[in-house]
């Protein structure tokens, strides 16, 4: 698989609690240079990052992150604020406790409300697969498919595990055709990236693929 095809599907990510503007600016520079799908950054840096990159790069941020148990009103406010500041894409975390309690209507209503706040921007729904049973994952495929969201996403990268090939294959078998898949968390090699894409992922949440390409010093123009 061509390396540029892989890079074009990467949300180049920096969500560490101690992330500084210098580091955020650095991944923005890398995102522009290597033509990634977006950079995924904390909401507090969205305005500054969008002013910095302009139309050269999509800015993605996270909502209800990483635990997902903010109220729906708070998630909607966070989303509207992020978009006002220039976010192009929103990755929200579901209320996992609601899923465990089988509050399926509440989950659907919340995701739909956040999608309404997102407007014509892209919404990805993080379900934190490492905390779920296969039955719960399949149920979330159904709910996300009904919600109007654009993507279902495996993981925050802040819990007990990240994306697995089994989960991406499960998503591909159970989401509606209009729902895309984002694998995130623990994608550590070009081979990992290729495998996830071949299984059906349209996006990869990772900080490592660009680092690998940079470390290999791929000649300018060949990526």
N, C-alpha and C. Protein backbone atom coordinates (compact mmCIF):
# COMPACT_ATOMS: atom_id res chain seq x y z
N UNK A 1 0.85 -1.20 0.00
CA UNK A 1 0.00 0.00 0.00
C UNK A 1 0.88 1.24 0.00
N UNK A 2 0.55 2.19 -0.85
CA UNK A 2 1.34 3.42 -0.95
C UNK A 2 1.33 4.20 0.36
N UNK A 3 2.49 4.70 0.76
CA UNK A 3 2.58 5.38 2.05
C UNK A 3 1.72 6.64 2.08
N UNK A 4 1.57 7.31 0.94
CA UNK A 4 0.73 8.51 0.95
C UNK A 4 -0.74 8.16 1.14
N UNK A 5 -1.16 7.01 0.64
CA UNK A 5 -2.54 6.57 0.88
C UNK A 5 -2.77 6.37 2.38
N UNK A 6 -1.80 5.79 3.06
CA UNK A 6 -1.91 5.59 4.51
C UNK A 6 -1.93 6.93 5.22
N UNK A 7 -1.00 7.81 4.89
CA UNK A 7 -0.93 9.12 5.55
C UNK A 7 -2.22 9.92 5.35
N UNK A 8 -2.83 9.78 4.19
CA UNK A 8 -4.05 10.54 3.89
C UNK A 8 -5.24 10.09 4.72
N UNK A 9 -5.10 8.95 5.40
CA UNK A 9 -6.16 8.44 6.27
C UNK A 9 -5.83 8.64 7.75
N UNK A 10 -4.72 9.27 8.05
CA UNK A 10 -4.29 9.45 9.44
C UNK A 10 -4.80 10.76 10.03
N UNK A 11 -5.44 10.66 11.20
CA UNK A 11 -5.66 11.82 12.05
C UNK A 11 -4.43 11.89 12.95
N UNK A 12 -3.48 12.73 12.58
CA UNK A 12 -2.20 12.85 13.30
C UNK A 12 -2.51 13.47 14.67
N UNK A 13 -2.24 12.73 15.73
CA UNK A 13 -2.87 12.99 17.03
C UNK A 13 -1.88 13.39 18.11
N UNK A 14 -2.26 14.41 18.89
CA UNK A 14 -1.54 14.75 20.13
C UNK A 14 -2.58 15.21 21.14
N UNK A 15 -2.86 14.35 22.11
CA UNK A 15 -3.88 14.65 23.13
C UNK A 15 -3.32 14.52 24.55
N UNK A 16 -2.01 14.48 24.68
CA UNK A 16 -1.40 14.36 26.01
C UNK A 16 -1.76 15.56 26.87
N UNK A 17 -1.96 15.31 28.15
CA UNK A 17 -2.37 16.37 29.07
C UNK A 17 -1.36 17.52 29.11
N UNK A 18 -0.08 17.22 28.95
CA UNK A 18 0.96 18.23 29.06
C UNK A 18 1.38 18.82 27.70
N UNK A 19 0.58 18.58 26.68
CA UNK A 19 0.92 19.10 25.35
C UNK A 19 1.02 20.62 25.37
N UNK A 20 2.03 21.14 24.72
CA UNK A 20 2.27 22.58 24.63
C UNK A 20 1.97 23.08 23.23
N UNK A 21 1.85 24.40 23.09
CA UNK A 21 1.61 24.96 21.76
C UNK A 21 2.75 24.63 20.81
N UNK A 22 3.97 24.63 21.30
CA UNK A 22 5.10 24.30 20.42
C UNK A 22 4.93 22.89 19.84
N UNK A 23 4.48 21.97 20.65
CA UNK A 23 4.26 20.60 20.18
C UNK A 23 3.06 20.53 19.23
N UNK A 24 1.99 21.24 19.56
CA UNK A 24 0.82 21.27 18.67
C UNK A 24 1.21 21.87 17.33
N UNK A 25 1.93 22.95 17.35
CA UNK A 25 2.38 23.58 16.10
C UNK A 25 3.22 22.61 15.29
N UNK A 26 4.04 21.82 15.97
CA UNK A 26 4.88 20.84 15.29
C UNK A 26 4.08 19.77 14.58
N UNK A 27 3.01 19.28 15.22
CA UNK A 27 2.23 18.25 14.51
C UNK A 27 1.39 18.88 13.40
N UNK A 28 1.03 20.15 13.55
CA UNK A 28 0.37 20.85 12.44
C UNK A 28 1.30 20.96 11.24
N UNK A 29 2.55 21.30 11.50
CA UNK A 29 3.54 21.38 10.42
C UNK A 29 3.69 20.02 9.73
N UNK A 30 3.74 18.97 10.54
CA UNK A 30 3.87 17.62 9.98
C UNK A 30 2.61 17.24 9.20
N UNK A 31 1.45 17.59 9.73
CA UNK A 31 0.20 17.28 9.04
C UNK A 31 0.15 17.91 7.66
N UNK A 32 0.59 19.16 7.58
CA UNK A 32 0.63 19.85 6.29
C UNK A 32 1.65 19.20 5.36
N UNK A 33 2.85 18.93 5.88
CA UNK A 33 3.92 18.38 5.05
C UNK A 33 3.57 17.01 4.50
N UNK A 34 3.01 16.18 5.35
CA UNK A 34 2.76 14.79 4.96
C UNK A 34 1.32 14.53 4.51
N UNK A 35 0.54 15.59 4.41
CA UNK A 35 -0.81 15.51 3.84
C UNK A 35 -1.70 14.51 4.60
N UNK A 36 -1.71 14.63 5.94
CA UNK A 36 -2.58 13.78 6.73
C UNK A 36 -4.03 14.26 6.61
N UNK A 37 -4.96 13.38 7.01
CA UNK A 37 -6.38 13.75 6.94
C UNK A 37 -6.68 14.93 7.84
N UNK A 38 -6.08 14.94 9.01
CA UNK A 38 -6.29 16.03 9.98
C UNK A 38 -5.20 15.95 11.04
N UNK A 39 -5.21 16.92 11.94
CA UNK A 39 -4.56 16.76 13.24
C UNK A 39 -5.66 16.73 14.29
N UNK A 40 -5.51 15.85 15.28
CA UNK A 40 -6.48 15.72 16.35
C UNK A 40 -5.84 16.24 17.63
N UNK A 41 -6.39 17.33 18.16
CA UNK A 41 -5.74 18.07 19.24
C UNK A 41 -6.75 18.48 20.31
N UNK A 42 -6.28 18.87 21.50
CA UNK A 42 -7.20 19.34 22.54
C UNK A 42 -7.96 20.58 22.11
N UNK A 43 -9.18 20.71 22.63
CA UNK A 43 -10.05 21.82 22.23
C UNK A 43 -9.44 23.19 22.54
N UNK A 44 -8.64 23.27 23.57
CA UNK A 44 -8.07 24.56 23.96
C UNK A 44 -7.08 25.11 22.94
N UNK A 45 -6.62 24.26 22.03
CA UNK A 45 -5.68 24.70 21.00
C UNK A 45 -6.33 24.88 19.63
N UNK A 46 -7.61 24.60 19.52
CA UNK A 46 -8.25 24.60 18.20
C UNK A 46 -8.16 25.96 17.52
N UNK A 47 -8.53 27.03 18.22
CA UNK A 47 -8.54 28.36 17.60
C UNK A 47 -7.15 28.75 17.12
N UNK A 48 -6.16 28.55 17.98
CA UNK A 48 -4.79 28.90 17.64
C UNK A 48 -4.29 28.06 16.46
N UNK A 49 -4.62 26.77 16.48
CA UNK A 49 -4.17 25.89 15.41
C UNK A 49 -4.82 26.24 14.08
N UNK A 50 -6.14 26.54 14.11
CA UNK A 50 -6.83 26.86 12.87
C UNK A 50 -6.30 28.17 12.28
N UNK A 51 -6.03 29.13 13.13
CA UNK A 51 -5.44 30.38 12.64
C UNK A 51 -4.06 30.13 12.04
N UNK A 52 -3.35 29.16 12.59
CA UNK A 52 -2.00 28.84 12.12
C UNK A 52 -2.02 28.12 10.77
N UNK A 53 -2.93 27.15 10.62
CA UNK A 53 -2.91 26.33 9.39
C UNK A 53 -3.82 26.86 8.30
N UNK A 54 -4.81 27.67 8.66
CA UNK A 54 -5.75 28.15 7.66
C UNK A 54 -6.48 27.00 6.98
N UNK A 55 -6.49 27.02 5.66
CA UNK A 55 -7.18 25.99 4.90
C UNK A 55 -6.25 24.85 4.47
N UNK A 56 -5.04 24.83 5.01
CA UNK A 56 -4.08 23.82 4.59
C UNK A 56 -4.31 22.45 5.22
N UNK A 57 -5.10 22.40 6.31
CA UNK A 57 -5.20 21.18 7.08
C UNK A 57 -6.48 21.20 7.90
N UNK A 58 -7.16 20.05 7.99
CA UNK A 58 -8.35 19.95 8.85
C UNK A 58 -7.94 19.83 10.31
N UNK A 59 -8.70 20.49 11.17
CA UNK A 59 -8.48 20.43 12.61
C UNK A 59 -9.60 19.59 13.24
N UNK A 60 -9.19 18.56 13.95
CA UNK A 60 -10.11 17.69 14.68
C UNK A 60 -9.89 17.88 16.17
N UNK A 61 -10.96 17.81 16.95
CA UNK A 61 -10.82 17.85 18.40
C UNK A 61 -11.76 16.86 19.06
N UNK A 62 -11.60 16.70 20.38
CA UNK A 62 -12.32 15.67 21.13
C UNK A 62 -13.30 16.31 22.11
N UNK A 63 -14.44 15.62 22.30
CA UNK A 63 -15.54 16.13 23.11
C UNK A 63 -15.93 15.06 24.14
N UNK A 64 -16.18 15.50 25.40
CA UNK A 64 -16.50 14.55 26.44
C UNK A 64 -15.35 13.59 26.69
N UNK A 65 -14.16 14.07 26.53
CA UNK A 65 -12.96 13.22 26.47
C UNK A 65 -12.21 13.23 27.80
N UNK A 66 -11.69 12.08 28.25
CA UNK A 66 -11.77 10.76 27.62
C UNK A 66 -12.85 9.85 28.21
N UNK A 67 -13.58 10.31 29.23
CA UNK A 67 -14.45 9.39 29.98
C UNK A 67 -15.88 9.32 29.47
N UNK A 68 -16.37 10.36 28.77
CA UNK A 68 -17.66 10.30 28.13
C UNK A 68 -18.86 10.58 29.01
N UNK A 69 -18.63 10.89 30.30
CA UNK A 69 -19.79 11.02 31.18
C UNK A 69 -20.22 12.45 31.47
N UNK A 70 -19.77 13.39 30.67
CA UNK A 70 -20.35 14.74 30.72
C UNK A 70 -21.81 14.67 30.30
N UNK A 71 -22.59 15.66 30.72
CA UNK A 71 -23.99 15.67 30.28
C UNK A 71 -24.07 15.99 28.79
N UNK A 72 -25.20 15.66 28.21
CA UNK A 72 -25.43 15.94 26.80
C UNK A 72 -25.31 17.43 26.52
N UNK A 73 -25.86 18.26 27.41
CA UNK A 73 -25.79 19.71 27.22
C UNK A 73 -24.34 20.19 27.17
N UNK A 74 -23.51 19.62 28.03
CA UNK A 74 -22.09 20.01 28.05
C UNK A 74 -21.41 19.57 26.76
N UNK A 75 -21.69 18.37 26.31
CA UNK A 75 -21.07 17.89 25.07
C UNK A 75 -21.49 18.75 23.88
N UNK A 76 -22.75 19.14 23.85
CA UNK A 76 -23.22 20.01 22.76
C UNK A 76 -22.54 21.37 22.83
N UNK A 77 -22.41 21.92 24.03
CA UNK A 77 -21.73 23.21 24.18
C UNK A 77 -20.28 23.11 23.74
N UNK A 78 -19.59 22.06 24.19
CA UNK A 78 -18.19 21.85 23.79
C UNK A 78 -18.07 21.80 22.27
N UNK A 79 -19.00 21.08 21.65
CA UNK A 79 -18.98 20.93 20.20
C UNK A 79 -19.18 22.26 19.49
N UNK A 80 -20.18 23.01 19.92
CA UNK A 80 -20.47 24.30 19.29
C UNK A 80 -19.31 25.27 19.49
N UNK A 81 -18.71 25.24 20.67
CA UNK A 81 -17.56 26.11 20.95
C UNK A 81 -16.38 25.73 20.06
N UNK A 82 -16.12 24.42 19.91
CA UNK A 82 -15.01 23.97 19.09
C UNK A 82 -15.20 24.37 17.63
N UNK A 83 -16.42 24.23 17.14
CA UNK A 83 -16.67 24.58 15.74
C UNK A 83 -16.56 26.10 15.54
N UNK A 84 -17.04 26.85 16.50
CA UNK A 84 -16.90 28.31 16.44
C UNK A 84 -15.42 28.70 16.38
N UNK A 85 -14.58 27.93 17.06
CA UNK A 85 -13.15 28.21 17.08
C UNK A 85 -12.41 27.68 15.86
N UNK A 86 -13.13 26.94 15.00
CA UNK A 86 -12.51 26.51 13.74
C UNK A 86 -12.37 25.02 13.54
N UNK A 87 -12.90 24.20 14.45
CA UNK A 87 -12.78 22.75 14.28
C UNK A 87 -13.53 22.29 13.04
N UNK A 88 -12.93 21.39 12.31
CA UNK A 88 -13.54 20.80 11.13
C UNK A 88 -14.15 19.43 11.42
N UNK A 89 -13.66 18.78 12.47
CA UNK A 89 -14.11 17.44 12.81
C UNK A 89 -14.19 17.30 14.32
N UNK A 90 -15.17 16.53 14.78
CA UNK A 90 -15.43 16.32 16.20
C UNK A 90 -15.41 14.83 16.50
N UNK A 91 -14.62 14.43 17.50
CA UNK A 91 -14.60 13.05 17.99
C UNK A 91 -15.18 13.05 19.40
N UNK A 92 -16.39 12.52 19.58
CA UNK A 92 -17.05 12.52 20.88
C UNK A 92 -16.99 11.14 21.52
N UNK A 93 -16.98 11.12 22.86
CA UNK A 93 -17.00 9.86 23.61
C UNK A 93 -18.42 9.61 24.12
N UNK A 94 -18.90 8.38 23.92
CA UNK A 94 -20.23 8.04 24.41
C UNK A 94 -20.23 7.93 25.94
N UNK A 95 -21.44 7.93 26.51
CA UNK A 95 -21.60 7.64 27.93
C UNK A 95 -21.63 6.11 28.09
N UNK A 96 -20.50 5.55 28.49
CA UNK A 96 -20.35 4.10 28.54
C UNK A 96 -21.26 3.49 29.61
N UNK A 97 -21.47 4.21 30.71
CA UNK A 97 -22.38 3.73 31.75
C UNK A 97 -23.79 3.56 31.23
N UNK A 98 -24.23 4.50 30.37
CA UNK A 98 -25.55 4.37 29.76
C UNK A 98 -25.65 3.09 28.94
N UNK A 99 -24.58 2.77 28.22
CA UNK A 99 -24.60 1.55 27.42
C UNK A 99 -24.70 0.32 28.33
N UNK A 100 -23.93 0.33 29.40
CA UNK A 100 -23.98 -0.80 30.35
C UNK A 100 -25.38 -0.93 30.96
N UNK A 101 -26.05 0.20 31.15
CA UNK A 101 -27.41 0.20 31.71
C UNK A 101 -28.49 -0.01 30.64
N UNK A 102 -28.07 -0.19 29.41
CA UNK A 102 -28.99 -0.41 28.27
C UNK A 102 -29.91 0.79 28.03
N UNK A 103 -29.38 1.99 28.26
CA UNK A 103 -30.16 3.21 28.01
C UNK A 103 -29.94 3.63 26.55
N UNK A 104 -30.41 2.79 25.67
CA UNK A 104 -30.12 2.95 24.25
C UNK A 104 -30.74 4.21 23.67
N UNK A 105 -31.93 4.56 24.08
CA UNK A 105 -32.57 5.78 23.57
C UNK A 105 -31.78 7.01 24.00
N UNK A 106 -31.28 7.01 25.24
CA UNK A 106 -30.48 8.15 25.70
C UNK A 106 -29.20 8.28 24.89
N UNK A 107 -28.57 7.17 24.59
CA UNK A 107 -27.36 7.20 23.77
C UNK A 107 -27.65 7.74 22.37
N UNK A 108 -28.71 7.23 21.77
CA UNK A 108 -29.08 7.69 20.43
C UNK A 108 -29.41 9.18 20.44
N UNK A 109 -30.18 9.61 21.44
CA UNK A 109 -30.56 11.02 21.51
C UNK A 109 -29.34 11.91 21.72
N UNK A 110 -28.39 11.45 22.54
CA UNK A 110 -27.20 12.27 22.78
C UNK A 110 -26.35 12.40 21.53
N UNK A 111 -26.09 11.28 20.86
CA UNK A 111 -25.27 11.35 19.65
C UNK A 111 -25.96 12.21 18.59
N UNK A 112 -27.26 12.05 18.46
CA UNK A 112 -28.01 12.86 17.49
C UNK A 112 -27.95 14.34 17.84
N UNK A 113 -27.99 14.67 19.14
CA UNK A 113 -27.91 16.06 19.57
C UNK A 113 -26.53 16.64 19.26
N UNK A 114 -25.49 15.86 19.51
CA UNK A 114 -24.14 16.35 19.20
C UNK A 114 -23.97 16.49 17.69
N UNK A 115 -24.56 15.57 16.92
CA UNK A 115 -24.49 15.71 15.45
C UNK A 115 -25.19 16.99 15.00
N UNK A 116 -26.30 17.31 15.62
CA UNK A 116 -26.99 18.56 15.28
C UNK A 116 -26.08 19.75 15.59
N UNK A 117 -25.38 19.71 16.71
CA UNK A 117 -24.44 20.78 17.06
C UNK A 117 -23.26 20.82 16.11
N UNK A 118 -22.92 19.68 15.54
CA UNK A 118 -21.79 19.59 14.61
C UNK A 118 -22.13 20.20 13.25
N UNK A 119 -23.41 20.17 12.91
CA UNK A 119 -23.82 20.74 11.62
C UNK A 119 -23.25 19.96 10.45
N UNK A 120 -22.62 20.65 9.52
CA UNK A 120 -22.10 19.98 8.34
C UNK A 120 -20.67 19.48 8.53
N UNK A 121 -20.15 19.59 9.74
CA UNK A 121 -18.82 19.07 10.04
C UNK A 121 -18.90 17.57 10.33
N UNK A 122 -17.75 16.92 10.34
CA UNK A 122 -17.69 15.47 10.54
C UNK A 122 -17.78 15.13 12.03
N UNK A 123 -18.62 14.15 12.37
CA UNK A 123 -18.73 13.65 13.74
C UNK A 123 -18.30 12.18 13.78
N UNK A 124 -17.35 11.89 14.67
CA UNK A 124 -16.91 10.52 14.93
C UNK A 124 -17.31 10.17 16.36
N UNK A 125 -17.79 8.95 16.56
CA UNK A 125 -18.31 8.53 17.86
C UNK A 125 -17.39 7.46 18.45
N UNK A 126 -16.73 7.81 19.56
CA UNK A 126 -15.80 6.89 20.23
C UNK A 126 -16.59 6.02 21.21
N UNK A 127 -16.49 4.70 21.05
CA UNK A 127 -17.26 3.83 21.93
C UNK A 127 -16.41 3.09 22.96
N UNK A 128 -15.09 3.23 22.91
CA UNK A 128 -14.15 2.63 23.88
C UNK A 128 -14.33 1.10 23.95
N UNK A 129 -13.96 0.45 22.86
CA UNK A 129 -14.21 -0.98 22.69
C UNK A 129 -13.59 -1.84 23.78
N UNK A 130 -12.48 -1.42 24.35
CA UNK A 130 -11.81 -2.25 25.36
C UNK A 130 -12.66 -2.47 26.61
N UNK A 131 -13.68 -1.64 26.80
CA UNK A 131 -14.55 -1.75 27.97
C UNK A 131 -15.87 -2.46 27.66
N UNK A 132 -16.04 -2.90 26.43
CA UNK A 132 -17.35 -3.41 25.98
C UNK A 132 -17.30 -4.89 25.61
N UNK A 133 -18.46 -5.52 25.72
CA UNK A 133 -18.64 -6.87 25.18
C UNK A 133 -18.92 -6.76 23.68
N UNK A 134 -18.80 -7.87 22.97
CA UNK A 134 -19.13 -7.86 21.55
C UNK A 134 -20.59 -7.47 21.34
N UNK A 135 -21.47 -7.92 22.21
CA UNK A 135 -22.88 -7.56 22.10
C UNK A 135 -23.06 -6.04 22.20
N UNK A 136 -22.33 -5.42 23.13
CA UNK A 136 -22.42 -3.96 23.29
C UNK A 136 -21.83 -3.23 22.09
N UNK A 137 -20.76 -3.76 21.55
CA UNK A 137 -20.16 -3.14 20.36
C UNK A 137 -21.14 -3.19 19.17
N UNK A 138 -21.78 -4.33 19.00
CA UNK A 138 -22.75 -4.46 17.90
C UNK A 138 -23.92 -3.51 18.11
N UNK A 139 -24.38 -3.40 19.35
CA UNK A 139 -25.47 -2.47 19.64
C UNK A 139 -25.06 -1.04 19.30
N UNK A 140 -23.82 -0.67 19.62
CA UNK A 140 -23.37 0.69 19.30
C UNK A 140 -23.23 0.89 17.78
N UNK A 141 -22.89 -0.16 17.05
CA UNK A 141 -22.91 -0.05 15.59
C UNK A 141 -24.31 0.32 15.11
N UNK A 142 -25.32 -0.28 15.69
CA UNK A 142 -26.70 0.01 15.31
C UNK A 142 -27.07 1.44 15.69
N UNK A 143 -26.72 1.85 16.91
CA UNK A 143 -27.09 3.19 17.39
C UNK A 143 -26.39 4.27 16.57
N UNK A 144 -25.09 4.10 16.34
CA UNK A 144 -24.35 5.09 15.55
C UNK A 144 -24.93 5.16 14.13
N UNK A 145 -25.30 4.02 13.59
CA UNK A 145 -25.87 3.99 12.24
C UNK A 145 -27.18 4.78 12.17
N UNK A 146 -27.95 4.79 13.26
CA UNK A 146 -29.22 5.51 13.30
C UNK A 146 -29.07 6.99 13.63
N UNK A 147 -27.91 7.39 14.14
CA UNK A 147 -27.77 8.70 14.77
C UNK A 147 -27.49 9.85 13.82
N UNK A 148 -27.02 9.54 12.62
CA UNK A 148 -26.59 10.59 11.70
C UNK A 148 -25.11 10.88 11.78
N UNK A 149 -24.39 10.24 12.72
CA UNK A 149 -22.94 10.43 12.82
C UNK A 149 -22.24 9.86 11.60
N UNK A 150 -21.03 10.36 11.37
CA UNK A 150 -20.30 9.98 10.16
C UNK A 150 -19.39 8.78 10.36
N UNK A 151 -18.86 8.62 11.56
CA UNK A 151 -17.90 7.56 11.86
C UNK A 151 -18.22 6.90 13.19
N UNK A 152 -17.85 5.64 13.33
CA UNK A 152 -17.71 4.98 14.62
C UNK A 152 -16.21 4.77 14.85
N UNK A 153 -15.77 5.04 16.07
CA UNK A 153 -14.33 5.02 16.39
C UNK A 153 -14.10 4.09 17.57
N UNK A 154 -13.00 3.35 17.51
CA UNK A 154 -12.76 2.31 18.51
C UNK A 154 -12.47 2.86 19.90
N UNK A 155 -11.57 3.83 20.01
CA UNK A 155 -10.92 4.05 21.31
C UNK A 155 -10.47 5.49 21.50
N UNK A 156 -10.32 5.86 22.78
CA UNK A 156 -9.70 7.15 23.11
C UNK A 156 -8.19 7.07 23.13
N UNK A 157 -7.66 5.88 23.41
CA UNK A 157 -6.23 5.73 23.66
C UNK A 157 -5.86 6.02 25.11
N UNK A 158 -6.87 6.33 25.94
CA UNK A 158 -6.63 6.67 27.34
C UNK A 158 -7.19 5.62 28.30
N UNK A 159 -7.71 4.51 27.77
CA UNK A 159 -8.28 3.49 28.64
C UNK A 159 -7.37 2.26 28.66
N UNK A 160 -7.95 1.08 28.80
CA UNK A 160 -7.15 -0.12 29.02
C UNK A 160 -6.67 -0.78 27.74
N UNK A 161 -7.09 -0.28 26.60
CA UNK A 161 -6.65 -0.85 25.33
C UNK A 161 -7.05 0.03 24.17
N UNK A 162 -6.48 -0.26 23.01
CA UNK A 162 -6.77 0.51 21.82
C UNK A 162 -7.47 -0.32 20.76
N UNK A 163 -7.26 0.05 19.52
CA UNK A 163 -7.91 -0.63 18.41
C UNK A 163 -7.39 -2.05 18.27
N UNK A 164 -8.30 -2.95 17.92
CA UNK A 164 -7.91 -4.31 17.54
C UNK A 164 -8.47 -4.61 16.16
N UNK A 165 -7.82 -5.52 15.48
CA UNK A 165 -8.29 -5.90 14.15
C UNK A 165 -9.66 -6.57 14.23
N UNK A 166 -9.87 -7.33 15.32
CA UNK A 166 -11.16 -8.00 15.50
C UNK A 166 -12.29 -6.98 15.62
N UNK A 167 -12.04 -5.88 16.33
CA UNK A 167 -13.09 -4.88 16.51
C UNK A 167 -13.39 -4.15 15.21
N UNK A 168 -12.37 -3.84 14.43
CA UNK A 168 -12.62 -3.17 13.15
C UNK A 168 -13.39 -4.09 12.20
N UNK A 169 -13.05 -5.37 12.20
CA UNK A 169 -13.81 -6.32 11.38
C UNK A 169 -15.26 -6.42 11.87
N UNK A 170 -15.46 -6.39 13.19
CA UNK A 170 -16.82 -6.43 13.74
C UNK A 170 -17.60 -5.20 13.31
N UNK A 171 -16.98 -4.03 13.41
CA UNK A 171 -17.63 -2.80 12.95
C UNK A 171 -18.04 -2.93 11.48
N UNK A 172 -17.11 -3.37 10.66
CA UNK A 172 -17.36 -3.45 9.22
C UNK A 172 -18.55 -4.36 8.91
N UNK A 173 -18.76 -5.35 9.75
CA UNK A 173 -19.86 -6.29 9.52
C UNK A 173 -21.20 -5.78 10.02
N UNK A 174 -21.19 -4.72 10.86
CA UNK A 174 -22.44 -4.34 11.53
C UNK A 174 -22.86 -2.88 11.36
N UNK A 175 -21.99 -1.99 10.89
CA UNK A 175 -22.45 -0.62 10.68
C UNK A 175 -23.16 -0.50 9.34
N UNK A 176 -24.03 0.52 9.24
CA UNK A 176 -24.70 0.81 7.98
C UNK A 176 -23.66 1.28 6.95
N UNK A 177 -23.97 1.15 5.67
CA UNK A 177 -23.00 1.51 4.62
C UNK A 177 -22.52 2.96 4.70
N UNK A 178 -23.35 3.87 5.23
CA UNK A 178 -22.95 5.28 5.26
C UNK A 178 -22.03 5.61 6.42
N UNK A 179 -21.82 4.69 7.35
CA UNK A 179 -20.98 4.94 8.52
C UNK A 179 -19.56 4.45 8.25
N UNK A 180 -18.60 5.33 8.42
CA UNK A 180 -17.20 4.96 8.23
C UNK A 180 -16.58 4.55 9.58
N UNK A 181 -15.39 4.00 9.51
CA UNK A 181 -14.74 3.43 10.69
C UNK A 181 -13.40 4.12 10.94
N UNK A 182 -13.17 4.48 12.21
CA UNK A 182 -11.87 5.00 12.61
C UNK A 182 -11.28 4.08 13.67
N UNK A 183 -10.08 3.59 13.43
CA UNK A 183 -9.33 2.80 14.39
C UNK A 183 -8.33 3.72 15.08
N UNK A 184 -8.27 3.64 16.40
CA UNK A 184 -7.38 4.53 17.15
C UNK A 184 -6.85 3.82 18.38
N UNK A 185 -5.62 4.14 18.73
CA UNK A 185 -5.02 3.58 19.93
C UNK A 185 -4.14 2.39 19.62
N UNK A 186 -2.83 2.55 19.77
CA UNK A 186 -1.90 1.43 19.64
C UNK A 186 -1.48 1.09 18.23
N UNK A 187 -1.78 1.93 17.27
CA UNK A 187 -1.36 1.67 15.88
C UNK A 187 0.10 2.08 15.77
N UNK A 188 0.99 1.09 15.73
CA UNK A 188 2.40 1.38 15.96
C UNK A 188 3.32 1.09 14.79
N UNK A 189 2.77 0.64 13.67
CA UNK A 189 3.62 0.31 12.52
C UNK A 189 2.86 0.53 11.22
N UNK A 190 3.61 0.61 10.14
CA UNK A 190 3.00 0.71 8.81
C UNK A 190 2.14 -0.52 8.54
N UNK A 191 2.63 -1.69 8.95
CA UNK A 191 1.86 -2.93 8.76
C UNK A 191 0.54 -2.87 9.51
N UNK A 192 0.55 -2.38 10.75
CA UNK A 192 -0.71 -2.20 11.50
C UNK A 192 -1.67 -1.33 10.70
N UNK A 193 -1.15 -0.20 10.22
CA UNK A 193 -2.00 0.74 9.47
C UNK A 193 -2.60 0.07 8.25
N UNK A 194 -1.79 -0.65 7.49
CA UNK A 194 -2.28 -1.34 6.30
C UNK A 194 -3.37 -2.35 6.66
N UNK A 195 -3.14 -3.09 7.74
CA UNK A 195 -4.11 -4.11 8.14
C UNK A 195 -5.46 -3.48 8.50
N UNK A 196 -5.42 -2.39 9.27
CA UNK A 196 -6.67 -1.74 9.67
C UNK A 196 -7.41 -1.18 8.45
N UNK A 197 -6.69 -0.60 7.52
CA UNK A 197 -7.32 -0.05 6.32
C UNK A 197 -7.95 -1.17 5.50
N UNK A 198 -7.23 -2.27 5.34
CA UNK A 198 -7.75 -3.39 4.55
C UNK A 198 -8.99 -4.01 5.20
N UNK A 199 -9.09 -3.92 6.52
CA UNK A 199 -10.26 -4.45 7.23
C UNK A 199 -11.46 -3.52 7.15
N UNK A 200 -11.23 -2.27 6.72
CA UNK A 200 -12.36 -1.36 6.54
C UNK A 200 -12.25 -0.01 7.19
N UNK A 201 -11.14 0.28 7.87
CA UNK A 201 -10.98 1.59 8.49
C UNK A 201 -10.67 2.66 7.44
N UNK A 202 -11.43 3.76 7.51
CA UNK A 202 -11.18 4.90 6.62
C UNK A 202 -10.28 5.93 7.27
N UNK A 203 -10.19 5.89 8.60
CA UNK A 203 -9.32 6.80 9.34
C UNK A 203 -8.55 6.01 10.39
N UNK A 204 -7.36 6.52 10.70
CA UNK A 204 -6.51 5.97 11.74
C UNK A 204 -6.12 7.09 12.69
N UNK A 205 -6.41 6.91 13.98
CA UNK A 205 -5.97 7.88 14.97
C UNK A 205 -4.64 7.44 15.51
N UNK A 206 -3.58 8.17 15.17
CA UNK A 206 -2.23 7.72 15.51
C UNK A 206 -1.26 8.89 15.49
N UNK A 207 -0.25 8.80 16.33
CA UNK A 207 0.85 9.76 16.27
C UNK A 207 2.09 9.12 15.67
N UNK A 208 2.05 7.82 15.49
CA UNK A 208 3.29 7.09 15.18
C UNK A 208 3.61 6.98 13.70
N UNK A 209 2.60 6.99 12.84
CA UNK A 209 2.88 6.76 11.42
C UNK A 209 3.73 7.89 10.84
N UNK A 210 3.36 9.13 11.15
CA UNK A 210 4.19 10.25 10.67
C UNK A 210 5.59 10.16 11.26
N UNK A 211 5.69 9.79 12.54
CA UNK A 211 7.02 9.66 13.16
C UNK A 211 7.86 8.60 12.46
N UNK A 212 7.23 7.49 12.07
CA UNK A 212 7.95 6.44 11.36
C UNK A 212 8.44 6.95 10.01
N UNK A 213 7.58 7.64 9.28
CA UNK A 213 7.96 8.18 7.98
C UNK A 213 9.11 9.18 8.13
N UNK A 214 9.02 10.04 9.13
CA UNK A 214 10.08 11.02 9.37
C UNK A 214 11.39 10.32 9.73
N UNK A 215 11.30 9.29 10.56
CA UNK A 215 12.51 8.57 10.99
C UNK A 215 13.19 7.86 9.84
N UNK A 216 12.37 7.41 8.89
CA UNK A 216 12.93 6.72 7.73
C UNK A 216 13.45 7.69 6.68
N UNK A 217 13.18 8.99 6.92
CA UNK A 217 13.67 10.05 6.02
C UNK A 217 13.31 9.76 4.58
N UNK A 218 12.01 9.52 4.38
CA UNK A 218 11.52 9.29 3.01
C UNK A 218 11.82 10.53 2.18
N UNK A 219 12.47 10.39 1.03
CA UNK A 219 12.84 11.55 0.23
C UNK A 219 11.63 12.39 -0.17
N UNK A 220 11.83 13.69 -0.19
CA UNK A 220 10.76 14.64 -0.56
C UNK A 220 10.20 14.25 -1.92
N UNK A 221 8.87 14.20 -2.00
CA UNK A 221 8.21 13.92 -3.26
C UNK A 221 7.87 12.47 -3.48
N UNK A 222 8.38 11.55 -2.61
CA UNK A 222 8.11 10.13 -2.79
C UNK A 222 6.98 9.65 -1.90
N UNK A 223 6.53 10.51 -0.99
CA UNK A 223 5.43 10.11 -0.13
C UNK A 223 4.14 10.68 -0.64
